[in-house]
Protein backbone atom coordinates (compact mmCIF):
# COMPACT_ATOMS: atom_id res chain seq x y z
CA UNK A 1 -0.35 23.39 -19.92
CA UNK A 2 -3.12 21.67 -17.97
CA UNK A 3 -2.22 18.35 -16.42
CA UNK A 4 -4.58 15.50 -15.75
CA UNK A 5 -4.39 13.96 -12.31
CA UNK A 6 -5.16 10.27 -12.06
CA UNK A 7 -5.22 8.22 -8.90
CA UNK A 8 -3.15 5.07 -9.20
CA UNK A 9 -3.40 2.10 -6.88
CA UNK A 10 -0.30 0.52 -5.38
CA UNK A 11 -0.87 -2.39 -7.75
CA UNK A 12 -0.82 -0.01 -10.75
CA UNK A 13 2.45 1.50 -9.61
CA UNK A 14 4.00 -1.92 -8.92
CA UNK A 15 2.95 -3.14 -12.38
CA UNK A 16 4.54 -0.11 -14.07
CA UNK A 17 7.70 -0.46 -11.94
CA UNK A 18 8.04 -4.15 -12.85
CA UNK A 19 7.60 -3.34 -16.55
CA UNK A 20 10.25 -0.60 -16.30
CA UNK A 21 12.54 -3.04 -14.51
CA UNK A 22 12.14 -5.58 -17.33
CA UNK A 23 12.62 -2.95 -20.05
CA UNK A 24 15.67 -1.35 -18.43
CA UNK A 25 17.25 -4.75 -17.73
CA UNK A 26 17.27 -5.41 -21.47
CA UNK A 27 19.22 -2.23 -22.27
CA UNK A 28 22.78 -3.03 -23.30
CA UNK A 29 25.18 -1.92 -20.60
CA UNK A 30 22.66 -1.97 -17.73
CA UNK A 31 24.03 -4.33 -15.08
CA UNK A 32 21.27 -4.16 -12.50
CA UNK A 33 17.91 -2.47 -11.92
CA UNK A 34 16.73 -2.01 -8.36
CA UNK A 35 13.19 -1.00 -7.48
CA UNK A 36 12.89 0.75 -4.13
CA UNK A 37 10.42 2.85 -2.24
CA UNK A 38 7.65 0.30 -2.33
CA UNK A 39 5.04 1.07 0.28
CA UNK A 40 3.61 -1.63 2.49
CA UNK A 41 0.28 -0.12 3.46
CA UNK A 42 -0.51 -0.57 7.11
CA UNK A 43 -2.27 1.10 9.99
CA UNK A 44 -1.64 1.15 13.71
CA UNK A 45 -4.51 0.82 16.16
CA UNK A 46 -3.95 1.82 19.78
CA UNK A 47 -6.49 0.22 22.09
CA UNK A 48 -7.58 1.57 25.43
CA UNK A 49 -7.92 -1.70 27.32
CA UNK A 50 -9.81 -0.04 30.19
CA UNK A 51 -12.51 1.24 27.85
CA UNK A 52 -12.65 -2.05 25.96
CA UNK A 53 -13.20 -3.85 29.25
CA UNK A 54 -15.98 -1.39 30.18
CA UNK A 55 -17.77 -2.28 26.94
CA UNK A 56 -17.06 -6.00 27.24
CA UNK A 57 -14.94 -6.06 24.09
CA UNK A 58 -11.70 -8.03 23.77
CA UNK A 59 -8.69 -7.11 21.67
CA UNK A 60 -9.35 -10.31 19.68
CA UNK A 61 -12.82 -9.00 18.81
CA UNK A 62 -11.25 -5.81 17.45
CA UNK A 63 -8.63 -7.78 15.47
CA UNK A 64 -11.32 -10.03 13.97
CA UNK A 65 -13.46 -7.03 13.00
CA UNK A 66 -10.53 -5.28 11.31
CA UNK A 67 -9.51 -8.42 9.41
CA UNK A 68 -13.09 -8.97 8.24
CA UNK A 69 -13.24 -5.47 6.77
CA UNK A 70 -9.78 -5.43 5.22
CA UNK A 71 -10.01 -3.88 1.75
CA UNK A 72 -7.58 -2.61 -0.87
CA UNK A 73 -8.06 1.03 -1.76
CA UNK A 74 -5.96 3.48 -3.77
CA UNK A 75 -2.90 4.39 -1.78
CA UNK A 76 -2.07 7.77 -3.19
CA UNK A 77 -1.53 9.92 -6.21
CA UNK A 78 0.95 9.58 -9.02
CA UNK A 79 1.63 12.37 -11.49
CA UNK A 80 3.44 11.18 -14.63
């Protein structure tokens, strides 16, 4: 059987998880539904302050540039 791979965004996965949470909560006998494993996408940037100083760039300049280009992109793959 061939499977189709689709890339889901974190928002897609959260939406499906919330819907499952609502649906399962309505099942008679289910006391609690807990969603876990949610990913908080982040990156770490290590700055070489010596090199930044050589180029006349401050860490605030880097932070401003990163914030200005912050975008949401698909965070991974999900195979149903």
